N, C-alpha and C. Protein backbone atom coordinates (compact mmCIF):
# COMPACT_ATOMS: atom_id res chain seq x y z
N UNK A 1 12.55 2.50 -0.61
CA UNK A 1 11.72 1.54 0.06
C UNK A 1 11.12 2.14 1.33
N UNK A 2 11.90 2.96 2.02
CA UNK A 2 11.40 3.58 3.23
C UNK A 2 10.23 4.51 2.90
N UNK A 3 10.33 5.23 1.80
CA UNK A 3 9.25 6.13 1.39
C UNK A 3 8.00 5.36 1.00
N UNK A 4 8.18 4.24 0.32
CA UNK A 4 7.02 3.40 -0.03
C UNK A 4 6.34 2.89 1.23
N UNK A 5 7.14 2.43 2.17
CA UNK A 5 6.60 1.93 3.43
C UNK A 5 5.82 3.03 4.14
N UNK A 6 6.40 4.23 4.21
CA UNK A 6 5.74 5.35 4.90
C UNK A 6 4.48 5.79 4.17
N UNK A 7 4.52 5.82 2.85
CA UNK A 7 3.34 6.23 2.07
C UNK A 7 2.17 5.27 2.28
N UNK A 8 2.47 3.99 2.22
CA UNK A 8 1.42 2.99 2.40
C UNK A 8 0.90 3.03 3.84
N UNK A 9 1.81 3.16 4.80
CA UNK A 9 1.38 3.23 6.20
C UNK A 9 0.48 4.44 6.43
N UNK A 10 0.81 5.57 5.82
CA UNK A 10 -0.03 6.76 5.96
C UNK A 10 -1.41 6.56 5.37
N UNK A 11 -1.47 5.92 4.22
CA UNK A 11 -2.77 5.67 3.58
C UNK A 11 -3.60 4.69 4.40
N UNK A 12 -2.96 3.65 4.91
CA UNK A 12 -3.68 2.67 5.74
C UNK A 12 -4.19 3.33 7.01
N UNK A 13 -3.37 4.15 7.63
CA UNK A 13 -3.77 4.87 8.84
C UNK A 13 -4.97 5.77 8.56
N UNK A 14 -4.92 6.49 7.46
CA UNK A 14 -6.05 7.35 7.08
C UNK A 14 -7.29 6.53 6.83
N UNK A 15 -7.14 5.41 6.15
CA UNK A 15 -8.27 4.52 5.85
C UNK A 15 -8.91 4.04 7.15
N UNK A 16 -8.09 3.64 8.10
CA UNK A 16 -8.61 3.19 9.39
C UNK A 16 -9.32 4.30 10.14
N UNK A 17 -8.73 5.49 10.14
CA UNK A 17 -9.31 6.62 10.87
C UNK A 17 -10.56 7.20 10.20
N UNK A 18 -10.75 6.92 8.91
CA UNK A 18 -11.90 7.44 8.17
C UNK A 18 -12.98 6.38 7.95
N UNK A 19 -12.99 5.37 8.76
CA UNK A 19 -14.04 4.37 8.66
C UNK A 19 -14.02 3.54 7.39
N UNK A 20 -12.83 3.32 6.85
CA UNK A 20 -12.71 2.47 5.67
C UNK A 20 -12.85 3.19 4.35
N UNK A 21 -12.59 4.48 4.33
CA UNK A 21 -12.62 5.21 3.06
C UNK A 21 -11.33 6.02 2.90
N UNK A 22 -10.98 6.25 1.66
CA UNK A 22 -9.85 7.10 1.31
C UNK A 22 -10.32 8.20 0.39
N UNK A 23 -9.72 9.38 0.55
CA UNK A 23 -10.01 10.47 -0.39
C UNK A 23 -9.30 10.15 -1.71
N UNK A 24 -9.72 10.80 -2.79
CA UNK A 24 -9.13 10.49 -4.11
C UNK A 24 -7.61 10.62 -4.15
N UNK A 25 -7.05 11.61 -3.48
CA UNK A 25 -5.59 11.79 -3.50
C UNK A 25 -4.87 10.62 -2.83
N UNK A 26 -5.37 10.19 -1.69
CA UNK A 26 -4.72 9.06 -1.01
C UNK A 26 -4.95 7.75 -1.78
N UNK A 27 -6.07 7.62 -2.43
CA UNK A 27 -6.30 6.44 -3.29
C UNK A 27 -5.27 6.41 -4.42
N UNK A 28 -5.00 7.57 -4.99
CA UNK A 28 -4.01 7.68 -6.06
C UNK A 28 -2.62 7.34 -5.52
N UNK A 29 -2.28 7.87 -4.36
CA UNK A 29 -0.98 7.59 -3.75
C UNK A 29 -0.84 6.10 -3.46
N UNK A 30 -1.88 5.49 -2.92
CA UNK A 30 -1.84 4.06 -2.60
C UNK A 30 -1.66 3.23 -3.86
N UNK A 31 -2.39 3.55 -4.91
CA UNK A 31 -2.26 2.79 -6.16
C UNK A 31 -0.88 2.97 -6.76
N UNK A 32 -0.36 4.18 -6.71
CA UNK A 32 0.99 4.42 -7.20
C UNK A 32 2.03 3.65 -6.41
N UNK A 33 1.83 3.55 -5.11
CA UNK A 33 2.75 2.81 -4.25
C UNK A 33 2.70 1.31 -4.57
N UNK A 34 1.53 0.80 -4.85
CA UNK A 34 1.40 -0.61 -5.25
C UNK A 34 2.16 -0.84 -6.55
N UNK A 35 2.00 0.06 -7.50
CA UNK A 35 2.71 -0.06 -8.78
C UNK A 35 4.22 0.00 -8.57
N UNK A 36 4.67 0.90 -7.71
CA UNK A 36 6.10 1.00 -7.41
C UNK A 36 6.60 -0.29 -6.76
N UNK A 37 5.83 -0.83 -5.83
CA UNK A 37 6.22 -2.09 -5.18
C UNK A 37 6.33 -3.22 -6.20
N UNK A 38 5.42 -3.26 -7.15
CA UNK A 38 5.47 -4.30 -8.17
C UNK A 38 6.81 -4.27 -8.90
N UNK A 39 7.31 -3.07 -9.16
CA UNK A 39 8.59 -2.94 -9.87
C UNK A 39 9.78 -3.32 -8.98
N UNK A 40 9.79 -2.85 -7.74
CA UNK A 40 10.97 -3.08 -6.91
C UNK A 40 11.02 -4.48 -6.31
N UNK A 41 9.89 -5.13 -6.16
CA UNK A 41 9.89 -6.49 -5.62
C UNK A 41 10.74 -7.43 -6.46
N UNK A 42 10.80 -7.16 -7.75
CA UNK A 42 11.58 -8.02 -8.65
C UNK A 42 13.07 -7.99 -8.33
N UNK A 43 13.54 -6.91 -7.72
CA UNK A 43 14.96 -6.78 -7.45
C UNK A 43 15.37 -7.13 -6.03
N UNK A 44 14.43 -7.48 -5.18
CA UNK A 44 14.75 -7.82 -3.79
C UNK A 44 15.20 -9.27 -3.72
N UNK A 45 16.37 -9.47 -3.14
CA UNK A 45 16.91 -10.83 -3.07
C UNK A 45 16.96 -11.39 -1.65
N UNK A 46 16.90 -10.53 -0.65
CA UNK A 46 16.97 -10.98 0.74
C UNK A 46 15.59 -11.47 1.17
N UNK A 47 15.51 -12.69 1.68
CA UNK A 47 14.23 -13.36 1.94
C UNK A 47 13.34 -12.60 2.93
N UNK A 48 13.91 -12.14 4.02
CA UNK A 48 13.11 -11.46 5.03
C UNK A 48 12.57 -10.13 4.49
N UNK A 49 13.39 -9.41 3.77
CA UNK A 49 12.96 -8.15 3.16
C UNK A 49 11.87 -8.40 2.11
N UNK A 50 12.04 -9.44 1.33
CA UNK A 50 11.04 -9.79 0.32
C UNK A 50 9.70 -10.12 0.97
N UNK A 51 9.71 -10.91 2.03
CA UNK A 51 8.46 -11.26 2.72
C UNK A 51 7.78 -10.00 3.27
N UNK A 52 8.57 -9.11 3.86
CA UNK A 52 8.01 -7.88 4.43
C UNK A 52 7.29 -7.06 3.35
N UNK A 53 7.97 -6.84 2.24
CA UNK A 53 7.38 -5.99 1.21
C UNK A 53 6.26 -6.69 0.44
N UNK A 54 6.28 -8.00 0.37
CA UNK A 54 5.14 -8.72 -0.21
C UNK A 54 3.92 -8.56 0.69
N UNK A 55 4.10 -8.63 1.98
CA UNK A 55 2.99 -8.44 2.92
C UNK A 55 2.50 -7.00 2.91
N UNK A 56 3.42 -6.05 2.78
CA UNK A 56 3.04 -4.65 2.68
C UNK A 56 2.20 -4.43 1.43
N UNK A 57 2.58 -5.07 0.33
CA UNK A 57 1.81 -4.95 -0.91
C UNK A 57 0.42 -5.57 -0.72
N UNK A 58 0.36 -6.70 -0.06
CA UNK A 58 -0.93 -7.34 0.18
C UNK A 58 -1.83 -6.43 1.01
N UNK A 59 -1.28 -5.81 2.04
CA UNK A 59 -2.05 -4.87 2.86
C UNK A 59 -2.55 -3.71 2.01
N UNK A 60 -1.70 -3.16 1.18
CA UNK A 60 -2.09 -2.04 0.32
C UNK A 60 -3.20 -2.46 -0.64
N UNK A 61 -3.09 -3.65 -1.19
CA UNK A 61 -4.12 -4.14 -2.12
C UNK A 61 -5.46 -4.31 -1.39
N UNK A 62 -5.44 -4.86 -0.19
CA UNK A 62 -6.67 -5.06 0.56
C UNK A 62 -7.35 -3.73 0.90
N UNK A 63 -6.55 -2.77 1.34
CA UNK A 63 -7.11 -1.44 1.68
C UNK A 63 -7.65 -0.76 0.42
N UNK A 64 -6.91 -0.86 -0.66
CA UNK A 64 -7.36 -0.25 -1.92
C UNK A 64 -8.69 -0.86 -2.37
N UNK A 65 -8.79 -2.17 -2.34
CA UNK A 65 -10.02 -2.85 -2.76
C UNK A 65 -11.19 -2.51 -1.83
N UNK A 66 -10.93 -2.50 -0.53
CA UNK A 66 -11.99 -2.20 0.43
C UNK A 66 -12.45 -0.76 0.28
N UNK A 67 -11.52 0.13 0.02
CA UNK A 67 -11.87 1.55 -0.16
C UNK A 67 -12.73 1.75 -1.40
N UNK A 68 -12.42 1.02 -2.46
CA UNK A 68 -13.22 1.12 -3.69
C UNK A 68 -14.63 0.60 -3.47
N UNK A 69 -14.76 -0.47 -2.68
CA UNK A 69 -16.09 -1.02 -2.39
C UNK A 69 -16.92 -0.05 -1.56
N UNK A 70 -16.24 0.74 -0.72
CA UNK A 70 -16.95 1.67 0.16
C UNK A 70 -17.49 2.88 -0.62
N UNK A 71 -16.91 3.14 -1.80
CA UNK A 71 -17.36 4.31 -2.59
C UNK A 71 -18.66 4.07 -3.24
């Protein structure tokens, strides 16, 4: 979970620093992280942790969608 958090944070940071665009490699990493989150969210039972990672997924989805529109 820590690696997913760090991967998504890195992609979001890059997206912000690059004016709303991601290079193909970071787009791939972000999409893979979203897919990984989809799998692990099913096993999270602690409410606060679940909310955090649901919001992290939402952030990743928004950045991914915005980055695709910018291409």
